[in-house]
Amino acid sequence: MIIDRIIKYLGYFTAFILAVLVLLVVYDATARYLFSTGSIALQELEWHLFDVVILFGIAYTLRENAHVRVDIFYASYSSKTKALVNVISSLFFILPFSLLIIYIGIDFVLLSFVQNEASTNPGGLEYRYLVKALLPLSFIFLSLVAIKDILNNMSNFHHSQLDGEFK
């Protein structure tokens, strides 16, 4: 499925950004503590890259089924019950929250763009709307994964080979 492929490559991109972030932090810390030099822009770039890792990692985590849940109950459920829990979680929690963040986030980004928002720190980064655009974009990705999961789990629920009893 194309959504899976997109999110898989998003995960690879996020891993790459994380590696860049680690190198950047090592460089920044070395420059600051060994050579008493530093850069506001570099520190802000670290925060922006951290935003990329967290926000894009959300959809990848859901795709890989590595998100947090109460596994002491979930692990003992039948396949049909797990599918039902996943559908309900996506429909009533993930999707509404994601759509709210997308709706609010678009205005948030547009306002930043119109104001040509930049860092208030001397030597800071410009074009703050670019990093703010990550918020609605990441929740668009999350919504796509949630929709794909709903469809997959509904299919699993209906085509389960189990006898239909829920644990």
N, C-alpha and C. Protein backbone atom coordinates (compact mmCIF):
# COMPACT_ATOMS: atom_id res chain seq x y z
N MET A 1 0.85 -1.18 0.00
CA MET A 1 0.00 0.00 0.00
C MET A 1 0.90 1.25 0.00
N ILE A 2 0.48 2.26 -0.71
CA ILE A 2 1.30 3.46 -0.87
C ILE A 2 1.53 4.19 0.46
N ILE A 3 0.53 4.17 1.34
CA ILE A 3 0.70 4.83 2.64
C ILE A 3 1.82 4.18 3.42
N ASP A 4 1.86 2.84 3.39
CA ASP A 4 2.95 2.13 4.07
C ASP A 4 4.31 2.53 3.53
N ARG A 5 4.41 2.63 2.22
CA ARG A 5 5.68 3.00 1.61
C ARG A 5 6.09 4.42 2.00
N ILE A 6 5.14 5.33 1.96
CA ILE A 6 5.43 6.73 2.33
C ILE A 6 5.91 6.81 3.77
N ILE A 7 5.21 6.14 4.66
CA ILE A 7 5.57 6.20 6.09
C ILE A 7 6.89 5.47 6.35
N LYS A 8 7.15 4.39 5.61
CA LYS A 8 8.43 3.69 5.75
C LYS A 8 9.59 4.63 5.41
N TYR A 9 9.45 5.33 4.29
CA TYR A 9 10.51 6.27 3.89
C TYR A 9 10.57 7.48 4.82
N LEU A 10 9.43 7.87 5.36
CA LEU A 10 9.42 8.92 6.37
C LEU A 10 10.21 8.48 7.60
N GLY A 11 10.08 7.21 7.96
CA GLY A 11 10.86 6.65 9.07
C GLY A 11 12.35 6.66 8.77
N TYR A 12 12.73 6.31 7.54
CA TYR A 12 14.14 6.36 7.15
C TYR A 12 14.67 7.80 7.20
N PHE A 13 13.86 8.73 6.71
CA PHE A 13 14.23 10.13 6.75
C PHE A 13 14.42 10.60 8.19
N THR A 14 13.50 10.20 9.05
CA THR A 14 13.57 10.58 10.46
C THR A 14 14.83 10.01 11.11
N ALA A 15 15.16 8.77 10.79
CA ALA A 15 16.38 8.16 11.33
C ALA A 15 17.62 8.92 10.86
N PHE A 16 17.62 9.33 9.60
CA PHE A 16 18.73 10.12 9.08
C PHE A 16 18.84 11.45 9.81
N ILE A 17 17.70 12.12 10.01
CA ILE A 17 17.70 13.41 10.72
C ILE A 17 18.20 13.21 12.15
N LEU A 18 17.84 12.10 12.78
CA LEU A 18 18.31 11.81 14.14
C LEU A 18 19.83 11.67 14.16
N ALA A 19 20.39 10.99 13.17
CA ALA A 19 21.85 10.85 13.09
C ALA A 19 22.52 12.22 12.90
N VAL A 20 21.94 13.05 12.04
CA VAL A 20 22.45 14.42 11.84
C VAL A 20 22.36 15.20 13.14
N LEU A 21 21.25 15.05 13.84
CA LEU A 21 21.06 15.75 15.11
C LEU A 21 22.11 15.35 16.13
N VAL A 22 22.40 14.08 16.22
CA VAL A 22 23.43 13.60 17.17
C VAL A 22 24.78 14.22 16.83
N LEU A 23 25.14 14.21 15.56
CA LEU A 23 26.42 14.81 15.15
C LEU A 23 26.46 16.31 15.44
N LEU A 24 25.35 16.96 15.20
CA LEU A 24 25.25 18.40 15.44
C LEU A 24 25.40 18.73 16.93
N VAL A 25 24.77 17.94 17.77
CA VAL A 25 24.86 18.16 19.22
C VAL A 25 26.29 17.91 19.71
N VAL A 26 26.92 16.86 19.19
CA VAL A 26 28.31 16.58 19.57
C VAL A 26 29.22 17.73 19.14
N TYR A 27 29.03 18.21 17.92
CA TYR A 27 29.82 19.34 17.43
C TYR A 27 29.58 20.58 18.28
N ASP A 28 28.31 20.87 18.54
CA ASP A 28 27.96 22.06 19.32
C ASP A 28 28.54 22.00 20.73
N ALA A 29 28.40 20.85 21.38
CA ALA A 29 28.93 20.71 22.74
C ALA A 29 30.45 20.80 22.76
N THR A 30 31.09 20.20 21.78
CA THR A 30 32.55 20.26 21.69
C THR A 30 33.00 21.70 21.46
N ALA A 31 32.36 22.39 20.54
CA ALA A 31 32.73 23.78 20.26
C ALA A 31 32.51 24.66 21.48
N ARG A 32 31.43 24.44 22.19
CA ARG A 32 31.10 25.29 23.33
C ARG A 32 32.04 25.05 24.51
N TYR A 33 32.30 23.79 24.83
CA TYR A 33 33.06 23.49 26.05
C TYR A 33 34.57 23.43 25.84
N LEU A 34 35.02 23.07 24.65
CA LEU A 34 36.47 23.02 24.41
C LEU A 34 37.01 24.30 23.81
N PHE A 35 36.21 25.00 23.02
CA PHE A 35 36.70 26.18 22.32
C PHE A 35 35.96 27.46 22.70
N SER A 36 35.05 27.37 23.64
CA SER A 36 34.27 28.52 24.14
C SER A 36 33.63 29.33 23.01
N THR A 37 33.08 28.63 22.07
CA THR A 37 32.38 29.28 20.97
C THR A 37 31.05 28.57 20.75
N GLY A 38 30.15 29.24 20.11
CA GLY A 38 28.85 28.63 19.88
C GLY A 38 28.03 29.47 18.91
N SER A 39 26.88 28.96 18.58
CA SER A 39 26.02 29.63 17.61
C SER A 39 24.57 29.47 18.03
N ILE A 40 23.87 30.59 18.09
CA ILE A 40 22.43 30.55 18.39
C ILE A 40 21.70 29.79 17.28
N ALA A 41 22.06 30.08 16.04
CA ALA A 41 21.41 29.41 14.91
C ALA A 41 21.60 27.90 14.98
N LEU A 42 22.78 27.45 15.37
CA LEU A 42 23.06 26.03 15.48
C LEU A 42 22.20 25.40 16.58
N GLN A 43 22.08 26.08 17.69
CA GLN A 43 21.24 25.55 18.78
C GLN A 43 19.77 25.50 18.36
N GLU A 44 19.30 26.51 17.65
CA GLU A 44 17.92 26.49 17.17
C GLU A 44 17.72 25.39 16.13
N LEU A 45 18.72 25.17 15.29
CA LEU A 45 18.62 24.09 14.32
C LEU A 45 18.50 22.73 15.02
N GLU A 46 19.20 22.57 16.13
CA GLU A 46 19.08 21.34 16.91
C GLU A 46 17.63 21.14 17.37
N TRP A 47 17.00 22.19 17.87
CA TRP A 47 15.62 22.09 18.31
C TRP A 47 14.69 21.78 17.14
N HIS A 48 14.94 22.39 16.00
CA HIS A 48 14.10 22.14 14.83
C HIS A 48 14.25 20.70 14.34
N LEU A 49 15.46 20.18 14.35
CA LEU A 49 15.68 18.79 13.95
C LEU A 49 15.04 17.83 14.96
N PHE A 50 15.08 18.20 16.22
CA PHE A 50 14.41 17.41 17.25
C PHE A 50 12.90 17.38 16.98
N ASP A 51 12.34 18.50 16.55
CA ASP A 51 10.92 18.56 16.18
C ASP A 51 10.63 17.57 15.05
N VAL A 52 11.49 17.53 14.05
CA VAL A 52 11.31 16.61 12.93
C VAL A 52 11.27 15.17 13.44
N VAL A 53 12.23 14.82 14.29
CA VAL A 53 12.32 13.46 14.81
C VAL A 53 11.05 13.08 15.58
N ILE A 54 10.62 13.94 16.47
CA ILE A 54 9.44 13.63 17.28
C ILE A 54 8.17 13.60 16.42
N LEU A 55 7.94 14.64 15.65
CA LEU A 55 6.68 14.75 14.92
C LEU A 55 6.55 13.71 13.80
N PHE A 56 7.61 13.44 13.07
CA PHE A 56 7.52 12.44 12.01
C PHE A 56 7.62 11.02 12.57
N GLY A 57 8.22 10.90 13.74
CA GLY A 57 8.32 9.58 14.37
C GLY A 57 6.98 9.05 14.85
N ILE A 58 6.01 9.93 15.08
CA ILE A 58 4.70 9.51 15.58
C ILE A 58 4.01 8.56 14.59
N ALA A 59 3.92 8.96 13.34
CA ALA A 59 3.25 8.12 12.34
C ALA A 59 4.01 6.82 12.11
N TYR A 60 5.32 6.88 12.09
CA TYR A 60 6.12 5.67 11.89
C TYR A 60 5.92 4.70 13.05
N THR A 61 5.85 5.24 14.26
CA THR A 61 5.64 4.40 15.44
C THR A 61 4.30 3.69 15.37
N LEU A 62 3.26 4.39 14.95
CA LEU A 62 1.95 3.75 14.81
C LEU A 62 1.99 2.70 13.71
N ARG A 63 2.65 3.01 12.61
CA ARG A 63 2.76 2.04 11.51
C ARG A 63 3.44 0.75 11.97
N GLU A 64 4.45 0.88 12.81
CA GLU A 64 5.21 -0.27 13.29
C GLU A 64 4.56 -0.93 14.51
N ASN A 65 3.41 -0.41 14.93
CA ASN A 65 2.69 -0.93 16.09
C ASN A 65 3.57 -0.91 17.34
N ALA A 66 4.36 0.14 17.48
CA ALA A 66 5.30 0.27 18.61
C ALA A 66 4.86 1.35 19.59
N HIS A 67 3.62 1.80 19.47
CA HIS A 67 3.11 2.85 20.34
C HIS A 67 2.78 2.30 21.72
N VAL A 68 2.51 3.20 22.64
CA VAL A 68 2.25 2.84 24.03
C VAL A 68 0.78 2.45 24.18
N ARG A 69 0.56 1.37 24.87
CA ARG A 69 -0.79 0.95 25.24
C ARG A 69 -0.67 0.06 26.47
N VAL A 70 -1.79 -0.32 27.02
CA VAL A 70 -1.79 -1.15 28.22
C VAL A 70 -1.70 -2.62 27.79
N ASP A 71 -0.46 -3.09 27.60
CA ASP A 71 -0.25 -4.42 27.06
C ASP A 71 -0.64 -5.55 28.01
N ILE A 72 -0.75 -5.27 29.30
CA ILE A 72 -1.12 -6.36 30.21
C ILE A 72 -2.53 -6.87 29.91
N PHE A 73 -3.38 -6.01 29.37
CA PHE A 73 -4.71 -6.44 28.95
C PHE A 73 -4.69 -6.84 27.48
N TYR A 74 -4.11 -6.00 26.66
CA TYR A 74 -4.15 -6.17 25.21
C TYR A 74 -3.52 -7.50 24.78
N ALA A 75 -2.45 -7.91 25.42
CA ALA A 75 -1.74 -9.13 25.04
C ALA A 75 -2.61 -10.38 25.19
N SER A 76 -3.55 -10.35 26.10
CA SER A 76 -4.40 -11.53 26.32
C SER A 76 -5.65 -11.54 25.46
N TYR A 77 -5.90 -10.49 24.69
CA TYR A 77 -7.09 -10.42 23.85
C TYR A 77 -6.96 -11.33 22.63
N SER A 78 -8.10 -11.77 22.13
CA SER A 78 -8.13 -12.53 20.88
C SER A 78 -7.81 -11.58 19.72
N SER A 79 -7.56 -12.13 18.56
CA SER A 79 -7.27 -11.31 17.38
C SER A 79 -8.44 -10.39 17.04
N LYS A 80 -9.66 -10.91 17.18
CA LYS A 80 -10.84 -10.09 16.89
C LYS A 80 -10.97 -8.94 17.88
N THR A 81 -10.72 -9.20 19.14
CA THR A 81 -10.82 -8.15 20.15
C THR A 81 -9.74 -7.10 19.94
N LYS A 82 -8.53 -7.55 19.60
CA LYS A 82 -7.45 -6.60 19.32
C LYS A 82 -7.83 -5.71 18.14
N ALA A 83 -8.40 -6.31 17.10
CA ALA A 83 -8.80 -5.53 15.93
C ALA A 83 -9.88 -4.51 16.32
N LEU A 84 -10.83 -4.93 17.14
CA LEU A 84 -11.89 -4.03 17.58
C LEU A 84 -11.34 -2.88 18.42
N VAL A 85 -10.43 -3.17 19.33
CA VAL A 85 -9.79 -2.14 20.16
C VAL A 85 -9.03 -1.16 19.27
N ASN A 86 -8.32 -1.68 18.29
CA ASN A 86 -7.55 -0.82 17.39
C ASN A 86 -8.45 0.10 16.57
N VAL A 87 -9.56 -0.44 16.08
CA VAL A 87 -10.50 0.37 15.30
C VAL A 87 -11.10 1.47 16.16
N ILE A 88 -11.56 1.11 17.34
CA ILE A 88 -12.17 2.10 18.25
C ILE A 88 -11.15 3.16 18.64
N SER A 89 -9.94 2.75 18.95
CA SER A 89 -8.89 3.72 19.31
C SER A 89 -8.60 4.70 18.19
N SER A 90 -8.50 4.17 16.98
CA SER A 90 -8.22 5.05 15.84
C SER A 90 -9.39 5.97 15.52
N LEU A 91 -10.59 5.42 15.54
CA LEU A 91 -11.77 6.20 15.18
C LEU A 91 -12.12 7.29 16.20
N PHE A 92 -11.99 6.96 17.47
CA PHE A 92 -12.47 7.88 18.49
C PHE A 92 -11.38 8.66 19.21
N PHE A 93 -10.12 8.30 18.99
CA PHE A 93 -9.04 9.03 19.65
C PHE A 93 -8.05 9.62 18.65
N ILE A 94 -7.42 8.77 17.86
CA ILE A 94 -6.36 9.24 16.97
C ILE A 94 -6.89 10.19 15.91
N LEU A 95 -7.93 9.77 15.18
CA LEU A 95 -8.44 10.61 14.08
C LEU A 95 -9.02 11.94 14.55
N PRO A 96 -9.90 11.98 15.55
CA PRO A 96 -10.42 13.29 15.97
C PRO A 96 -9.32 14.23 16.46
N PHE A 97 -8.39 13.69 17.26
CA PHE A 97 -7.29 14.53 17.76
C PHE A 97 -6.42 15.02 16.61
N SER A 98 -6.12 14.14 15.67
CA SER A 98 -5.29 14.52 14.52
C SER A 98 -5.97 15.59 13.68
N LEU A 99 -7.26 15.40 13.41
CA LEU A 99 -7.99 16.39 12.60
C LEU A 99 -8.05 17.74 13.30
N LEU A 100 -8.18 17.75 14.61
CA LEU A 100 -8.16 19.00 15.37
C LEU A 100 -6.80 19.69 15.25
N ILE A 101 -5.73 18.93 15.40
CA ILE A 101 -4.37 19.51 15.28
C ILE A 101 -4.14 20.03 13.87
N ILE A 102 -4.59 19.30 12.87
CA ILE A 102 -4.43 19.77 11.48
C ILE A 102 -5.20 21.07 11.28
N TYR A 103 -6.44 21.10 11.72
CA TYR A 103 -7.29 22.28 11.56
C TYR A 103 -6.68 23.50 12.25
N ILE A 104 -6.27 23.35 13.48
CA ILE A 104 -5.68 24.47 14.23
C ILE A 104 -4.29 24.80 13.68
N GLY A 105 -3.55 23.76 13.32
CA GLY A 105 -2.17 23.94 12.88
C GLY A 105 -2.03 24.70 11.58
N ILE A 106 -2.98 24.55 10.69
CA ILE A 106 -2.89 25.26 9.40
C ILE A 106 -2.96 26.77 9.62
N ASP A 107 -3.88 27.23 10.47
CA ASP A 107 -3.94 28.67 10.77
C ASP A 107 -2.68 29.14 11.49
N PHE A 108 -2.16 28.28 12.35
CA PHE A 108 -0.93 28.56 13.09
C PHE A 108 0.24 28.80 12.12
N VAL A 109 0.34 27.96 11.10
CA VAL A 109 1.40 28.08 10.10
C VAL A 109 1.17 29.30 9.21
N LEU A 110 -0.07 29.51 8.78
CA LEU A 110 -0.38 30.65 7.92
C LEU A 110 -0.08 31.98 8.61
N LEU A 111 -0.43 32.08 9.87
CA LEU A 111 -0.14 33.30 10.63
C LEU A 111 1.37 33.53 10.70
N SER A 112 2.11 32.49 10.96
CA SER A 112 3.57 32.60 11.02
C SER A 112 4.14 33.01 9.67
N PHE A 113 3.58 32.46 8.58
CA PHE A 113 4.04 32.80 7.24
C PHE A 113 3.73 34.27 6.91
N VAL A 114 2.51 34.70 7.19
CA VAL A 114 2.09 36.07 6.88
C VAL A 114 2.95 37.08 7.65
N GLN A 115 3.27 36.73 8.89
CA GLN A 115 4.08 37.63 9.72
C GLN A 115 5.57 37.51 9.43
N ASN A 116 5.94 36.58 8.55
CA ASN A 116 7.33 36.29 8.26
C ASN A 116 8.10 36.08 9.57
N GLU A 117 7.53 35.24 10.42
CA GLU A 117 8.07 35.01 11.76
C GLU A 117 9.48 34.44 11.70
N ALA A 118 10.33 34.99 12.55
CA ALA A 118 11.71 34.54 12.66
C ALA A 118 12.06 34.46 14.13
N SER A 119 13.21 33.93 14.41
CA SER A 119 13.68 33.85 15.78
C SER A 119 13.82 35.24 16.38
N THR A 120 13.52 35.36 17.65
CA THR A 120 13.71 36.63 18.34
C THR A 120 15.14 36.77 18.85
N ASN A 121 15.91 35.71 18.76
CA ASN A 121 17.30 35.75 19.21
C ASN A 121 18.21 36.33 18.13
N PRO A 122 19.17 37.14 18.53
CA PRO A 122 20.12 37.65 17.53
C PRO A 122 20.92 36.48 16.93
N GLY A 123 20.95 36.41 15.63
CA GLY A 123 21.67 35.32 14.97
C GLY A 123 20.84 34.05 14.86
N GLY A 124 19.56 34.14 15.22
CA GLY A 124 18.68 32.97 15.16
C GLY A 124 18.21 32.70 13.75
N LEU A 125 17.46 31.64 13.60
CA LEU A 125 16.99 31.22 12.29
C LEU A 125 15.74 31.99 11.85
N GLU A 126 15.63 32.16 10.56
CA GLU A 126 14.45 32.79 9.98
C GLU A 126 13.48 31.70 9.52
N TYR A 127 12.37 32.11 8.94
CA TYR A 127 11.39 31.21 8.34
C TYR A 127 10.84 30.19 9.35
N ARG A 128 10.41 30.69 10.48
CA ARG A 128 9.89 29.81 11.53
C ARG A 128 8.66 29.03 11.07
N TYR A 129 7.94 29.55 10.08
CA TYR A 129 6.75 28.85 9.58
C TYR A 129 7.10 27.47 9.02
N LEU A 130 8.32 27.30 8.54
CA LEU A 130 8.71 26.00 8.00
C LEU A 130 8.68 24.92 9.07
N VAL A 131 9.22 25.23 10.23
CA VAL A 131 9.21 24.24 11.31
C VAL A 131 7.81 24.10 11.89
N LYS A 132 7.05 25.18 11.90
CA LYS A 132 5.67 25.09 12.39
C LYS A 132 4.80 24.27 11.45
N ALA A 133 5.15 24.23 10.18
CA ALA A 133 4.39 23.44 9.21
C ALA A 133 4.53 21.93 9.47
N LEU A 134 5.54 21.55 10.23
CA LEU A 134 5.71 20.14 10.57
C LEU A 134 4.55 19.62 11.40
N LEU A 135 3.94 20.49 12.20
CA LEU A 135 2.86 20.05 13.09
C LEU A 135 1.66 19.52 12.31
N PRO A 136 1.02 20.31 11.45
CA PRO A 136 -0.11 19.73 10.72
C PRO A 136 0.33 18.62 9.76
N LEU A 137 1.50 18.75 9.16
CA LEU A 137 1.97 17.72 8.24
C LEU A 137 2.14 16.38 8.95
N SER A 138 2.72 16.39 10.13
CA SER A 138 2.93 15.14 10.85
C SER A 138 1.60 14.48 11.23
N PHE A 139 0.59 15.30 11.54
CA PHE A 139 -0.71 14.72 11.89
C PHE A 139 -1.50 14.30 10.66
N ILE A 140 -1.17 14.83 9.50
CA ILE A 140 -1.72 14.30 8.26
C ILE A 140 -1.18 12.88 8.04
N PHE A 141 0.12 12.71 8.24
CA PHE A 141 0.72 11.38 8.13
C PHE A 141 0.10 10.43 9.15
N LEU A 142 -0.06 10.89 10.38
CA LEU A 142 -0.66 10.06 11.42
C LEU A 142 -2.09 9.66 11.05
N SER A 143 -2.85 10.59 10.50
CA SER A 143 -4.23 10.29 10.08
C SER A 143 -4.25 9.23 8.99
N LEU A 144 -3.33 9.35 8.04
CA LEU A 144 -3.27 8.36 6.96
C LEU A 144 -2.98 6.96 7.50
N VAL A 145 -2.04 6.88 8.45
CA VAL A 145 -1.72 5.58 9.05
C VAL A 145 -2.91 5.06 9.84
N ALA A 146 -3.60 5.94 10.56
CA ALA A 146 -4.77 5.51 11.34
C ALA A 146 -5.87 4.99 10.42
N ILE A 147 -6.11 5.66 9.30
CA ILE A 147 -7.13 5.21 8.35
C ILE A 147 -6.75 3.85 7.77
N LYS A 148 -5.48 3.69 7.41
CA LYS A 148 -5.01 2.40 6.90
C LYS A 148 -5.19 1.31 7.94
N ASP A 149 -4.87 1.62 9.20
CA ASP A 149 -5.04 0.65 10.28
C ASP A 149 -6.50 0.30 10.52
N ILE A 150 -7.37 1.28 10.43
CA ILE A 150 -8.81 1.02 10.59
C ILE A 150 -9.26 0.02 9.53
N LEU A 151 -8.87 0.28 8.29
CA LEU A 151 -9.28 -0.61 7.19
C LEU A 151 -8.70 -2.01 7.37
N ASN A 152 -7.42 -2.09 7.75
CA ASN A 152 -6.80 -3.40 7.96
C ASN A 152 -7.44 -4.15 9.12
N ASN A 153 -7.68 -3.45 10.22
CA ASN A 153 -8.26 -4.09 11.39
C ASN A 153 -9.71 -4.50 11.16
N MET A 154 -10.46 -3.69 10.41
CA MET A 154 -11.83 -4.08 10.08
C MET A 154 -11.84 -5.35 9.23
N SER A 155 -10.89 -5.41 8.31
CA SER A 155 -10.77 -6.60 7.48
C SER A 155 -10.40 -7.81 8.34
N ASN A 156 -9.45 -7.62 9.26
CA ASN A 156 -9.05 -8.71 10.16
C ASN A 156 -10.21 -9.13 11.05
N PHE A 157 -10.98 -8.16 11.50
CA PHE A 157 -12.11 -8.43 12.37
C PHE A 157 -13.14 -9.30 11.65
N HIS A 158 -13.44 -8.95 10.41
CA HIS A 158 -14.47 -9.66 9.66
C HIS A 158 -13.99 -11.00 9.10
N HIS A 159 -12.72 -11.13 8.86
CA HIS A 159 -12.22 -12.36 8.25
C HIS A 159 -11.47 -13.24 9.23
N SER A 160 -11.67 -12.99 10.48
CA SER A 160 -10.97 -13.79 11.50
C SER A 160 -11.40 -15.25 11.43
N GLN A 161 -10.46 -16.13 11.61
CA GLN A 161 -10.74 -17.56 11.60
C GLN A 161 -11.17 -18.07 12.98
N LEU A 162 -11.23 -17.14 13.95
CA LEU A 162 -11.62 -17.53 15.30
C LEU A 162 -13.11 -17.82 15.35
N ASP A 163 -13.55 -18.41 16.41
CA ASP A 163 -14.96 -18.80 16.54
C ASP A 163 -15.88 -17.64 16.90
N GLY A 164 -15.35 -16.44 17.02
CA GLY A 164 -16.20 -15.28 17.26
C GLY A 164 -16.34 -14.90 18.71
N GLU A 165 -15.75 -15.64 19.61
CA GLU A 165 -15.86 -15.26 21.03
C GLU A 165 -14.78 -14.25 21.37
N PHE A 166 -15.16 -13.29 22.19
CA PHE A 166 -14.23 -12.27 22.66
C PHE A 166 -13.75 -12.65 24.04
N LYS A 167 -12.48 -12.44 24.27
CA LYS A 167 -11.94 -12.69 25.61
C LYS A 167 -12.17 -11.49 26.49
